[in-house]
Structures are given as C-alpha cells and as structure tokens.
C-alpha cells in the first residue's frame, strides 16, 4: 500500500466505514475502497456486496448506482475538507470513483 493510499484511507476512516471482504475476497459489507490510482493518486470507490438475485426485495441496479454515486461524493467532500485535491469521476456511472492527492 502506498503512502497516499494509506493516508486517504486514514482520513476516510474517521467519518466513513470501509468495505469488508470475506475469506474469498467478495465484499460482504458496503463501504469505501482505496486503491492506487494513476500518477500516485489514491483511487476511492464505494463497494457493495453482490446482489442476491433470488431476493425479490433486492435493490435495483439504479438504486445501487445512486448509492455508489452519493457515497463517492461524500468521500470526496471528506477528503476536500481535509485539504486534499479531488478529481471526481464517473457521474451517473455504475462505478463512480474519485482520484485524490494530499497537498
């Protein structure tokens, strides 16, 4: 993990919940995920567990996309409030994300 990724995860941890993963690497609780992005920036996304296709009450694809978009923007606001430069990506996308760099 790079210093930038670690620093971004620490900033987000104070206000948000990280995604968690089971022993097989599948997301089992929604939350943020921080990876290394381009040019040494942190790439932050919102991860949700796979939908149970047999559940008639499962959220729609549009509802999941809205959740991901809303949460990525909240992560962006948190990082910006901490003095980070943030580039928001993927509006209305199924997989929005942001790129962030500390000053």
PDB file of N, CA and C in Angstrom:
ATOM      1  N   UNK A   1       0.849  -1.171   0.000  1.00  0.00           N
ATOM      2  CA  UNK A   1       0.000   0.000   0.000  1.00  0.00           C
ATOM      3  C   UNK A   1       0.899   1.241   0.000  1.00  0.00           C
ATOM      4  N   UNK A   2       0.622   2.172  -0.904  1.00  0.00           N
ATOM      5  CA  UNK A   2       1.424   3.384  -0.971  1.00  0.00           C
ATOM      6  C   UNK A   2       1.047   4.336   0.157  1.00  0.00           C
ATOM      7  N   UNK A   3       1.907   5.303   0.417  1.00  0.00           N
ATOM      8  CA  UNK A   3       1.637   6.284   1.463  1.00  0.00           C
ATOM      9  C   UNK A   3       0.357   7.064   1.176  1.00  0.00           C
ATOM     10  N   UNK A   4       0.124   7.402  -0.089  1.00  0.00           N
ATOM     11  CA  UNK A   4      -1.068   8.166  -0.450  1.00  0.00           C
ATOM     12  C   UNK A   4      -2.331   7.351  -0.193  1.00  0.00           C
ATOM     13  N   UNK A   5      -2.322   6.092  -0.565  1.00  0.00           N
ATOM     14  CA  UNK A   5      -3.473   5.213  -0.336  1.00  0.00           C
ATOM     15  C   UNK A   5      -3.727   5.083   1.157  1.00  0.00           C
ATOM     16  N   UNK A   6      -2.679   4.864   1.921  1.00  0.00           N
ATOM     17  CA  UNK A   6      -2.806   4.722   3.369  1.00  0.00           C
ATOM     18  C   UNK A   6      -3.338   6.014   3.995  1.00  0.00           C
ATOM     19  N   UNK A   7      -2.822   7.153   3.570  1.00  0.00           N
ATOM     20  CA  UNK A   7      -3.263   8.437   4.128  1.00  0.00           C
ATOM     21  C   UNK A   7      -4.727   8.706   3.799  1.00  0.00           C
ATOM     22  N   UNK A   8      -5.155   8.411   2.580  1.00  0.00           N
ATOM     23  CA  UNK A   8      -6.559   8.617   2.196  1.00  0.00           C
ATOM     24  C   UNK A   8      -7.473   7.718   3.013  1.00  0.00           C
ATOM     25  N   UNK A   9      -7.075   6.469   3.198  1.00  0.00           N
ATOM     26  CA  UNK A   9      -7.883   5.533   3.986  1.00  0.00           C
ATOM     27  C   UNK A   9      -8.006   6.019   5.429  1.00  0.00           C
ATOM     28  N   UNK A  10      -6.944   6.597   5.966  1.00  0.00           N
ATOM     29  CA  UNK A  10      -6.987   7.107   7.346  1.00  0.00           C
ATOM     30  C   UNK A  10      -7.937   8.294   7.470  1.00  0.00           C
ATOM     31  N   UNK A  11      -7.920   9.196   6.482  1.00  0.00           N
ATOM     32  CA  UNK A  11      -8.832  10.347   6.505  1.00  0.00           C
ATOM     33  C   UNK A  11     -10.278   9.861   6.447  1.00  0.00           C
ATOM     34  N   UNK A  12     -10.568   8.935   5.553  1.00  0.00           N
ATOM     35  CA  UNK A  12     -11.934   8.439   5.389  1.00  0.00           C
ATOM     36  C   UNK A  12     -12.408   7.643   6.600  1.00  0.00           C
ATOM     37  N   UNK A  13     -11.501   6.935   7.244  1.00  0.00           N
ATOM     38  CA  UNK A  13     -11.865   6.061   8.355  1.00  0.00           C
ATOM     39  C   UNK A  13     -12.512   6.829   9.513  1.00  0.00           C
ATOM     40  N   UNK A  14     -12.137   8.084   9.690  1.00  0.00           N
ATOM     41  CA  UNK A  14     -12.693   8.879  10.784  1.00  0.00           C
ATOM     42  C   UNK A  14     -14.188   9.159  10.610  1.00  0.00           C
ATOM     43  N   UNK A  15     -14.677   9.166   9.358  1.00  0.00           N
ATOM     44  CA  UNK A  15     -16.073   9.540   9.093  1.00  0.00           C
ATOM     45  C   UNK A  15     -16.895   8.486   8.363  1.00  0.00           C
ATOM     46  N   UNK A  16     -16.236   7.486   7.804  1.00  0.00           N
ATOM     47  CA  UNK A  16     -16.928   6.517   6.954  1.00  0.00           C
ATOM     48  C   UNK A  16     -16.475   5.097   7.295  1.00  0.00           C
ATOM     49  N   UNK A  17     -17.230   4.155   6.783  1.00  0.00           N
ATOM     50  CA  UNK A  17     -16.925   2.745   7.029  1.00  0.00           C
ATOM     51  C   UNK A  17     -16.246   2.129   5.804  1.00  0.00           C
ATOM     52  N   UNK A  18     -15.123   1.439   6.013  1.00  0.00           N
ATOM     53  CA  UNK A  18     -14.501   0.751   4.880  1.00  0.00           C
ATOM     54  C   UNK A  18     -15.304  -0.494   4.502  1.00  0.00           C
ATOM     55  N   UNK A  19     -15.213  -0.886   3.258  1.00  0.00           N
ATOM     56  CA  UNK A  19     -15.834  -2.138   2.818  1.00  0.00           C
ATOM     57  C   UNK A  19     -15.116  -3.291   3.523  1.00  0.00           C
ATOM     58  N   UNK A  20     -15.831  -4.362   3.754  1.00  0.00           N
ATOM     59  CA  UNK A  20     -15.178  -5.551   4.300  1.00  0.00           C
ATOM     60  C   UNK A  20     -15.382  -6.700   3.321  1.00  0.00           C
ATOM     61  N   UNK A  21     -14.484  -7.649   3.418  1.00  0.00           N
ATOM     62  CA  UNK A  21     -14.448  -8.754   2.464  1.00  0.00           C
ATOM     63  C   UNK A  21     -14.391 -10.079   3.203  1.00  0.00           C
ATOM     64  N   UNK A  22     -15.014 -11.104   2.612  1.00  0.00           N
ATOM     65  CA  UNK A  22     -14.976 -12.424   3.234  1.00  0.00           C
ATOM     66  C   UNK A  22     -13.679 -13.146   2.868  1.00  0.00           C
ATOM     67  N   UNK A  23     -13.553 -14.363   3.323  1.00  0.00           N
ATOM     68  CA  UNK A  23     -12.319 -15.127   3.107  1.00  0.00           C
ATOM     69  C   UNK A  23     -12.038 -15.413   1.635  1.00  0.00           C
ATOM     70  N   UNK A  24     -13.054 -15.245   0.778  1.00  0.00           N
ATOM     71  CA  UNK A  24     -12.879 -15.498  -0.645  1.00  0.00           C
ATOM     72  C   UNK A  24     -12.639 -14.219  -1.438  1.00  0.00           C
ATOM     73  N   UNK A  25     -12.613 -13.086  -0.737  1.00  0.00           N
ATOM     74  CA  UNK A  25     -12.354 -11.808  -1.390  1.00  0.00           C
ATOM     75  C   UNK A  25     -13.593 -11.099  -1.899  1.00  0.00           C
ATOM     76  N   UNK A  26     -14.784 -11.623  -1.598  1.00  0.00           N
ATOM     77  CA  UNK A  26     -16.025 -10.979  -2.028  1.00  0.00           C
ATOM     78  C   UNK A  26     -16.461  -9.975  -0.957  1.00  0.00           C
ATOM     79  N   UNK A  27     -16.950  -8.839  -1.397  1.00  0.00           N
ATOM     80  CA  UNK A  27     -17.433  -7.820  -0.474  1.00  0.00           C
ATOM     81  C   UNK A  27     -18.619  -8.374   0.313  1.00  0.00           C
ATOM     82  N   UNK A  28     -18.576  -8.225   1.644  1.00  0.00           N
ATOM     83  CA  UNK A  28     -19.706  -8.678   2.446  1.00  0.00           C
ATOM     84  C   UNK A  28     -20.335  -7.548   3.268  1.00  0.00           C
ATOM     85  N   UNK A  29     -19.762  -6.341   3.198  1.00  0.00           N
ATOM     86  CA  UNK A  29     -20.365  -5.163   3.830  1.00  0.00           C
ATOM     87  C   UNK A  29     -19.941  -3.931   3.045  1.00  0.00           C
ATOM     88  N   UNK A  30     -20.903  -3.124   2.663  1.00  0.00           N
ATOM     89  CA  UNK A  30     -20.648  -1.947   1.831  1.00  0.00           C
ATOM     90  C   UNK A  30     -19.744  -0.947   2.535  1.00  0.00           C
ATOM     91  N   UNK A  31     -18.953  -0.234   1.738  1.00  0.00           N
ATOM     92  CA  UNK A  31     -18.087   0.810   2.277  1.00  0.00           C
ATOM     93  C   UNK A  31     -17.103   1.288   1.239  1.00  0.00           C
ATOM     94  N   UNK A  32     -16.176   2.139   1.675  1.00  0.00           N
ATOM     95  CA  UNK A  32     -15.199   2.677   0.727  1.00  0.00           C
ATOM     96  C   UNK A  32     -14.068   1.690   0.489  1.00  0.00           C
ATOM     97  N   UNK A  33     -13.462   1.853  -0.677  1.00  0.00           N
ATOM     98  CA  UNK A  33     -12.282   1.076  -1.041  1.00  0.00           C
ATOM     99  C   UNK A  33     -11.274   2.061  -1.609  1.00  0.00           C
ATOM    100  N   UNK A  34     -10.038   1.984  -1.134  1.00  0.00           N
ATOM    101  CA  UNK A  34      -8.989   2.871  -1.613  1.00  0.00           C
ATOM    102  C   UNK A  34      -7.910   2.018  -2.263  1.00  0.00           C
ATOM    103  N   UNK A  35      -7.620   2.327  -3.516  1.00  0.00           N
ATOM    104  CA  UNK A  35      -6.574   1.643  -4.275  1.00  0.00           C
ATOM    105  C   UNK A  35      -5.617   2.681  -4.825  1.00  0.00           C
ATOM    106  N   UNK A  36      -4.532   2.205  -5.399  1.00  0.00           N
ATOM    107  CA  UNK A  36      -3.608   3.122  -6.054  1.00  0.00           C
ATOM    108  C   UNK A  36      -4.169   3.496  -7.422  1.00  0.00           C
ATOM    109  N   UNK A  37      -4.289   4.780  -7.668  1.00  0.00           N
ATOM    110  CA  UNK A  37      -4.776   5.283  -8.949  1.00  0.00           C
ATOM    111  C   UNK A  37      -3.615   5.703  -9.828  1.00  0.00           C
ATOM    112  N   UNK A  38      -3.921   6.533 -10.786  1.00  0.00           N
ATOM    113  CA  UNK A  38      -2.882   6.988 -11.711  1.00  0.00           C
ATOM    114  C   UNK A  38      -2.032   8.081 -11.073  1.00  0.00           C
ATOM    115  N   UNK A  39      -0.794   8.175 -11.516  1.00  0.00           N
ATOM    116  CA  UNK A  39       0.127   9.222 -11.089  1.00  0.00           C
ATOM    117  C   UNK A  39       0.286   9.300  -9.578  1.00  0.00           C
ATOM    118  N   UNK A  40       0.195   8.180  -8.892  1.00  0.00           N
ATOM    119  CA  UNK A  40       0.395   8.152  -7.454  1.00  0.00           C
ATOM    120  C   UNK A  40      -0.773   8.655  -6.630  1.00  0.00           C
ATOM    121  N   UNK A  41      -1.897   8.903  -7.279  1.00  0.00           N
ATOM    122  CA  UNK A  41      -3.072   9.368  -6.549  1.00  0.00           C
ATOM    123  C   UNK A  41      -3.813   8.178  -5.954  1.00  0.00           C
ATOM    124  N   UNK A  42      -4.637   8.460  -4.944  1.00  0.00           N
ATOM    125  CA  UNK A  42      -5.493   7.430  -4.362  1.00  0.00           C
ATOM    126  C   UNK A  42      -6.773   7.360  -5.187  1.00  0.00           C
ATOM    127  N   UNK A  43      -7.240   6.153  -5.489  1.00  0.00           N
ATOM    128  CA  UNK A  43      -8.493   5.939  -6.218  1.00  0.00           C
ATOM    129  C   UNK A  43      -9.497   5.404  -5.209  1.00  0.00           C
ATOM    130  N   UNK A  44     -10.569   6.169  -4.983  1.00  0.00           N
ATOM    131  CA  UNK A  44     -11.559   5.817  -3.974  1.00  0.00           C
ATOM    132  C   UNK A  44     -12.878   5.483  -4.648  1.00  0.00           C
ATOM    133  N   UNK A  45     -13.460   4.369  -4.275  1.00  0.00           N
ATOM    134  CA  UNK A  45     -14.765   3.964  -4.807  1.00  0.00           C
ATOM    135  C   UNK A  45     -15.621   3.444  -3.653  1.00  0.00           C
ATOM    136  N   UNK A  46     -16.886   3.242  -3.951  1.00  0.00           N
ATOM    137  CA  UNK A  46     -17.812   2.662  -2.966  1.00  0.00           C
ATOM    138  C   UNK A  46     -18.171   1.267  -3.459  1.00  0.00           C
ATOM    139  N   UNK A  47     -17.975   0.288  -2.610  1.00  0.00           N
ATOM    140  CA  UNK A  47     -18.189  -1.112  -2.967  1.00  0.00           C
ATOM    141  C   UNK A  47     -19.397  -1.636  -2.208  1.00  0.00           C
ATOM    142  N   UNK A  48     -20.229  -2.400  -2.892  1.00  0.00           N
ATOM    143  CA  UNK A  48     -21.395  -3.027  -2.264  1.00  0.00           C
ATOM    144  C   UNK A  48     -21.339  -4.533  -2.524  1.00  0.00           C
ATOM    145  N   UNK A  49     -21.920  -5.317  -1.623  1.00  0.00           N
ATOM    146  CA  UNK A  49     -21.947  -6.774  -1.852  1.00  0.00           C
ATOM    147  C   UNK A  49     -22.752  -7.110  -3.118  1.00  0.00           C
ATOM    148  N   UNK A  50     -22.446  -8.234  -3.700  1.00  0.00           N
ATOM    149  CA  UNK A  50     -23.221  -8.707  -4.850  1.00  0.00           C
ATOM    150  C   UNK A  50     -24.666  -8.938  -4.425  1.00  0.00           C
ATOM    151  N   UNK A  51     -25.564  -8.602  -5.304  1.00  0.00           N
ATOM    152  CA  UNK A  51     -26.991  -8.766  -5.008  1.00  0.00           C
ATOM    153  C   UNK A  51     -27.376 -10.237  -5.031  1.00  0.00           C
ATOM    154  N   UNK A  52     -28.292 -10.598  -4.143  1.00  0.00           N
ATOM    155  CA  UNK A  52     -28.866 -11.936  -4.155  1.00  0.00           C
ATOM    156  C   UNK A  52     -29.981 -11.914  -5.197  1.00  0.00           C
ATOM    157  N   UNK A  53     -29.742 -12.509  -6.333  1.00  0.00           N
ATOM    158  CA  UNK A  53     -30.700 -12.449  -7.440  1.00  0.00           C
ATOM    159  C   UNK A  53     -32.018 -13.154  -7.131  1.00  0.00           C
ATOM    160  N   UNK A  54     -32.048 -13.967  -6.101  1.00  0.00           N
ATOM    161  CA  UNK A  54     -33.280 -14.651  -5.717  1.00  0.00           C
ATOM    162  C   UNK A  54     -34.118 -13.824  -4.738  1.00  0.00           C
ATOM    163  N   UNK A  55     -33.564 -12.721  -4.239  1.00  0.00           N
ATOM    164  CA  UNK A  55     -34.268 -11.879  -3.265  1.00  0.00           C
ATOM    165  C   UNK A  55     -35.200 -10.914  -4.007  1.00  0.00           C
ATOM    166  N   UNK A  56     -36.508 -11.055  -3.845  1.00  0.00           N
ATOM    167  CA  UNK A  56     -37.433 -10.163  -4.554  1.00  0.00           C
ATOM    168  C   UNK A  56     -37.367  -8.718  -4.047  1.00  0.00           C
ATOM    169  N   UNK A  57     -36.789  -8.506  -2.880  1.00  0.00           N
ATOM    170  CA  UNK A  57     -36.679  -7.166  -2.307  1.00  0.00           C
ATOM    171  C   UNK A  57     -35.300  -6.539  -2.506  1.00  0.00           C
ATOM    172  N   UNK A  58     -34.483  -7.138  -3.364  1.00  0.00           N
ATOM    173  CA  UNK A  58     -33.142  -6.599  -3.570  1.00  0.00           C
ATOM    174  C   UNK A  58     -33.230  -5.214  -4.219  1.00  0.00           C
ATOM    175  N   UNK A  59     -32.232  -4.356  -3.962  1.00  0.00           N
ATOM    176  CA  UNK A  59     -32.241  -3.027  -4.580  1.00  0.00           C
ATOM    177  C   UNK A  59     -32.057  -3.139  -6.097  1.00  0.00           C
ATOM    178  N   UNK A  60     -32.640  -2.204  -6.805  1.00  0.00           N
ATOM    179  CA  UNK A  60     -32.490  -2.187  -8.260  1.00  0.00           C
ATOM    180  C   UNK A  60     -31.073  -1.737  -8.620  1.00  0.00           C
ATOM    181  N   UNK A  61     -30.685  -1.992  -9.857  1.00  0.00           N
ATOM    182  CA  UNK A  61     -29.386  -1.530 -10.337  1.00  0.00           C
ATOM    183  C   UNK A  61     -29.286  -0.015 -10.231  1.00  0.00           C
ATOM    184  N   UNK A  62     -30.370   0.686 -10.529  1.00  0.00           N
ATOM    185  CA  UNK A  62     -30.369   2.146 -10.443  1.00  0.00           C
ATOM    186  C   UNK A  62     -30.191   2.611  -9.001  1.00  0.00           C
ATOM    187  N   UNK A  63     -30.839   1.945  -8.060  1.00  0.00           N
ATOM    188  CA  UNK A  63     -30.701   2.311  -6.645  1.00  0.00           C
ATOM    189  C   UNK A  63     -29.270   2.089  -6.170  1.00  0.00           C
ATOM    190  N   UNK A  64     -28.656   0.990  -6.599  1.00  0.00           N
ATOM    191  CA  UNK A  64     -27.262   0.730  -6.233  1.00  0.00           C
ATOM    192  C   UNK A  64     -26.330   1.757  -6.849  1.00  0.00           C
ATOM    193  N   UNK A  65     -26.587   2.131  -8.095  1.00  0.00           N
ATOM    194  CA  UNK A  65     -25.771   3.155  -8.752  1.00  0.00           C
ATOM    195  C   UNK A  65     -25.894   4.492  -8.033  1.00  0.00           C
ATOM    196  N   UNK A  66     -27.107   4.841  -7.612  1.00  0.00           N
ATOM    197  CA  UNK A  66     -27.317   6.089  -6.869  1.00  0.00           C
ATOM    198  C   UNK A  66     -26.573   6.054  -5.539  1.00  0.00           C
ATOM    199  N   UNK A  67     -26.603   4.914  -4.850  1.00  0.00           N
ATOM    200  CA  UNK A  67     -25.873   4.785  -3.584  1.00  0.00           C
ATOM    201  C   UNK A  67     -24.381   4.968  -3.812  1.00  0.00           C
ATOM    202  N   UNK A  68     -23.842   4.299  -4.822  1.00  0.00           N
ATOM    203  CA  UNK A  68     -22.413   4.431  -5.103  1.00  0.00           C
ATOM    204  C   UNK A  68     -22.052   5.882  -5.412  1.00  0.00           C
ATOM    205  N   UNK A  69     -22.861   6.543  -6.229  1.00  0.00           N
ATOM    206  CA  UNK A  69     -22.593   7.936  -6.591  1.00  0.00           C
ATOM    207  C   UNK A  69     -22.635   8.838  -5.355  1.00  0.00           C
ATOM    208  N   UNK A  70     -23.668   8.693  -4.544  1.00  0.00           N
ATOM    209  CA  UNK A  70     -23.831   9.516  -3.347  1.00  0.00           C
ATOM    210  C   UNK A  70     -22.654   9.327  -2.394  1.00  0.00           C
ATOM    211  N   UNK A  71     -22.259   8.089  -2.183  1.00  0.00           N
ATOM    212  CA  UNK A  71     -21.183   7.817  -1.238  1.00  0.00           C
ATOM    213  C   UNK A  71     -19.833   8.311  -1.759  1.00  0.00           C
ATOM    214  N   UNK A  72     -19.571   8.166  -3.049  1.00  0.00           N
ATOM    215  CA  UNK A  72     -18.308   8.661  -3.602  1.00  0.00           C
ATOM    216  C   UNK A  72     -18.227  10.173  -3.425  1.00  0.00           C
ATOM    217  N   UNK A  73     -19.349  10.860  -3.621  1.00  0.00           N
ATOM    218  CA  UNK A  73     -19.352  12.317  -3.431  1.00  0.00           C
ATOM    219  C   UNK A  73     -19.142  12.662  -1.958  1.00  0.00           C
ATOM    220  N   UNK A  74     -19.689  11.871  -1.042  1.00  0.00           N
ATOM    221  CA  UNK A  74     -19.442  12.097   0.387  1.00  0.00           C
ATOM    222  C   UNK A  74     -17.971  11.888   0.721  1.00  0.00           C
ATOM    223  N   UNK A  75     -17.350  10.857   0.158  1.00  0.00           N
ATOM    224  CA  UNK A  75     -15.921  10.627   0.377  1.00  0.00           C
ATOM    225  C   UNK A  75     -15.122  11.812  -0.170  1.00  0.00           C
ATOM    226  N   UNK A  76     -15.523  12.315  -1.334  1.00  0.00           N
ATOM    227  CA  UNK A  76     -14.833  13.468  -1.932  1.00  0.00           C
ATOM    228  C   UNK A  76     -14.932  14.677  -1.003  1.00  0.00           C
ATOM    229  N   UNK A  77     -16.119  14.925  -0.468  1.00  0.00           N
ATOM    230  CA  UNK A  77     -16.308  16.058   0.445  1.00  0.00           C
ATOM    231  C   UNK A  77     -15.415  15.915   1.678  1.00  0.00           C
ATOM    232  N   UNK A  78     -15.327  14.713   2.223  1.00  0.00           N
ATOM    233  CA  UNK A  78     -14.492  14.465   3.405  1.00  0.00           C
ATOM    234  C   UNK A  78     -13.027  14.732   3.095  1.00  0.00           C
ATOM    235  N   UNK A  79     -12.548  14.231   1.970  1.00  0.00           N
ATOM    236  CA  UNK A  79     -11.143  14.436   1.602  1.00  0.00           C
ATOM    237  C   UNK A  79     -10.858  15.912   1.328  1.00  0.00           C
ATOM    238  N   UNK A  80     -11.758  16.585   0.616  1.00  0.00           N
ATOM    239  CA  UNK A  80     -11.564  18.010   0.339  1.00  0.00           C
ATOM    240  C   UNK A  80     -11.529  18.820   1.630  1.00  0.00           C
ATOM    241  N   UNK A  81     -12.380  18.480   2.584  1.00  0.00           N
ATOM    242  CA  UNK A  81     -12.396  19.189   3.867  1.00  0.00           C
ATOM    243  C   UNK A  81     -11.091  18.995   4.634  1.00  0.00           C
ATOM    244  N   UNK A  82     -10.375  17.932   4.319  1.00  0.00           N
ATOM    245  CA  UNK A  82      -9.086  17.658   4.960  1.00  0.00           C
ATOM    246  C   UNK A  82      -7.915  18.217   4.157  1.00  0.00           C
ATOM    247  N   UNK A  83      -8.218  18.993   3.113  1.00  0.00           N
ATOM    248  CA  UNK A  83      -7.169  19.643   2.337  1.00  0.00           C
ATOM    249  C   UNK A  83      -6.648  18.864   1.141  1.00  0.00           C
ATOM    250  N   UNK A  84      -7.330  17.808   0.769  1.00  0.00           N
ATOM    251  CA  UNK A  84      -6.911  17.008  -0.381  1.00  0.00           C
ATOM    252  C   UNK A  84      -7.438  17.621  -1.672  1.00  0.00           C
ATOM    253  N   UNK A  85      -6.710  17.413  -2.755  1.00  0.00           N
ATOM    254  CA  UNK A  85      -7.188  17.748  -4.089  1.00  0.00           C
ATOM    255  C   UNK A  85      -7.929  16.528  -4.609  1.00  0.00           C
ATOM    256  N   UNK A  86      -9.162  16.732  -5.082  1.00  0.00           N
ATOM    257  CA  UNK A  86     -10.010  15.614  -5.505  1.00  0.00           C
ATOM    258  C   UNK A  86     -10.478  15.833  -6.931  1.00  0.00           C
ATOM    259  N   UNK A  87     -10.374  14.788  -7.737  1.00  0.00           N
ATOM    260  CA  UNK A  87     -10.922  14.770  -9.097  1.00  0.00           C
ATOM    261  C   UNK A  87     -12.057  13.756  -9.088  1.00  0.00           C
ATOM    262  N   UNK A  88     -13.267  14.235  -9.290  1.00  0.00           N
ATOM    263  CA  UNK A  88     -14.443  13.350  -9.272  1.00  0.00           C
ATOM    264  C   UNK A  88     -14.628  12.751 -10.662  1.00  0.00           C
ATOM    265  N   UNK A  89     -14.867  11.457 -10.700  1.00  0.00           N
ATOM    266  CA  UNK A  89     -15.033  10.733 -11.963  1.00  0.00           C
ATOM    267  C   UNK A  89     -16.324   9.929 -11.955  1.00  0.00           C
ATOM    268  N   UNK A  90     -16.869   9.749 -13.133  1.00  0.00           N
ATOM    269  CA  UNK A  90     -17.968   8.823 -13.303  1.00  0.00           C
ATOM    270  C   UNK A  90     -19.339   9.301 -12.911  1.00  0.00           C
ATOM    271  N   UNK A  91     -19.703  10.572 -13.154  1.00  0.00           N
ATOM    272  CA  UNK A  91     -21.086  10.950 -12.814  1.00  0.00           C
ATOM    273  C   UNK A  91     -22.087  10.090 -13.574  1.00  0.00           C
ATOM    274  N   UNK A  92     -23.129   9.697 -12.870  1.00  0.00           N
ATOM    275  CA  UNK A  92     -24.182   8.827 -13.412  1.00  0.00           C
ATOM    276  C   UNK A  92     -23.633   7.508 -13.936  1.00  0.00           C
ATOM    277  N   UNK A  93     -22.540   7.112 -13.407  1.00  0.00           N
ATOM    278  CA  UNK A  93     -21.904   5.871 -13.834  1.00  0.00           C
ATOM    279  C   UNK A  93     -22.285   4.753 -12.878  1.00  0.00           C
ATOM    280  N   UNK A  94     -22.207   3.552 -13.362  1.00  0.00           N
ATOM    281  CA  UNK A  94     -22.450   2.397 -12.494  1.00  0.00           C
ATOM    282  C   UNK A  94     -21.312   2.238 -11.484  1.00  0.00           C
ATOM    283  N   UNK A  95     -20.131   2.745 -11.831  1.00  0.00           N
ATOM    284  CA  UNK A  95     -18.981   2.618 -10.934  1.00  0.00           C
ATOM    285  C   UNK A  95     -18.235   3.946 -10.823  1.00  0.00           C
ATOM    286  N   UNK A  96     -18.842   4.934 -10.161  1.00  0.00           N
ATOM    287  CA  UNK A  96     -18.153   6.214  -9.994  1.00  0.00           C
ATOM    288  C   UNK A  96     -16.962   6.059  -9.051  1.00  0.00           C
ATOM    289  N   UNK A  97     -16.004   6.943  -9.191  1.00  0.00           N
ATOM    290  CA  UNK A  97     -14.843   6.929  -8.309  1.00  0.00           C
ATOM    291  C   UNK A  97     -14.269   8.331  -8.253  1.00  0.00           C
ATOM    292  N   UNK A  98     -13.276   8.505  -7.407  1.00  0.00           N
ATOM    293  CA  UNK A  98     -12.563   9.760  -7.355  1.00  0.00           C
ATOM    294  C   UNK A  98     -11.088   9.482  -7.255  1.00  0.00           C
ATOM    295  N   UNK A  99     -10.298  10.444  -7.671  1.00  0.00           N
ATOM    296  CA  UNK A  99      -8.863  10.391  -7.512  1.00  0.00           C
ATOM    297  C   UNK A  99      -8.493  11.502  -6.542  1.00  0.00           C
ATOM    298  N   UNK A 100      -7.604  11.223  -5.587  1.00  0.00           N
ATOM    299  CA  UNK A 100      -7.266  12.204  -4.569  1.00  0.00           C
ATOM    300  C   UNK A 100      -5.775  12.246  -4.328  1.00  0.00           C
ATOM    301  N   UNK A 101      -5.297  13.455  -4.027  1.00  0.00           N
ATOM    302  CA  UNK A 101      -3.876  13.672  -3.730  1.00  0.00           C
ATOM    303  C   UNK A 101      -3.794  14.645  -2.571  1.00  0.00           C
ATOM    304  N   UNK A 102      -2.989  14.310  -1.569  1.00  0.00           N
ATOM    305  CA  UNK A 102      -2.782  15.207  -0.434  1.00  0.00           C
ATOM    306  C   UNK A 102      -1.838  16.331  -0.865  1.00  0.00           C
ATOM    307  N   UNK A 103      -1.969  17.466  -0.217  1.00  0.00           N
ATOM    308  CA  UNK A 103      -1.070  18.602  -0.513  1.00  0.00           C
ATOM    309  C   UNK A 103       0.219  18.444   0.239  1.00  0.00           C
TER     310      UNK A 103
END
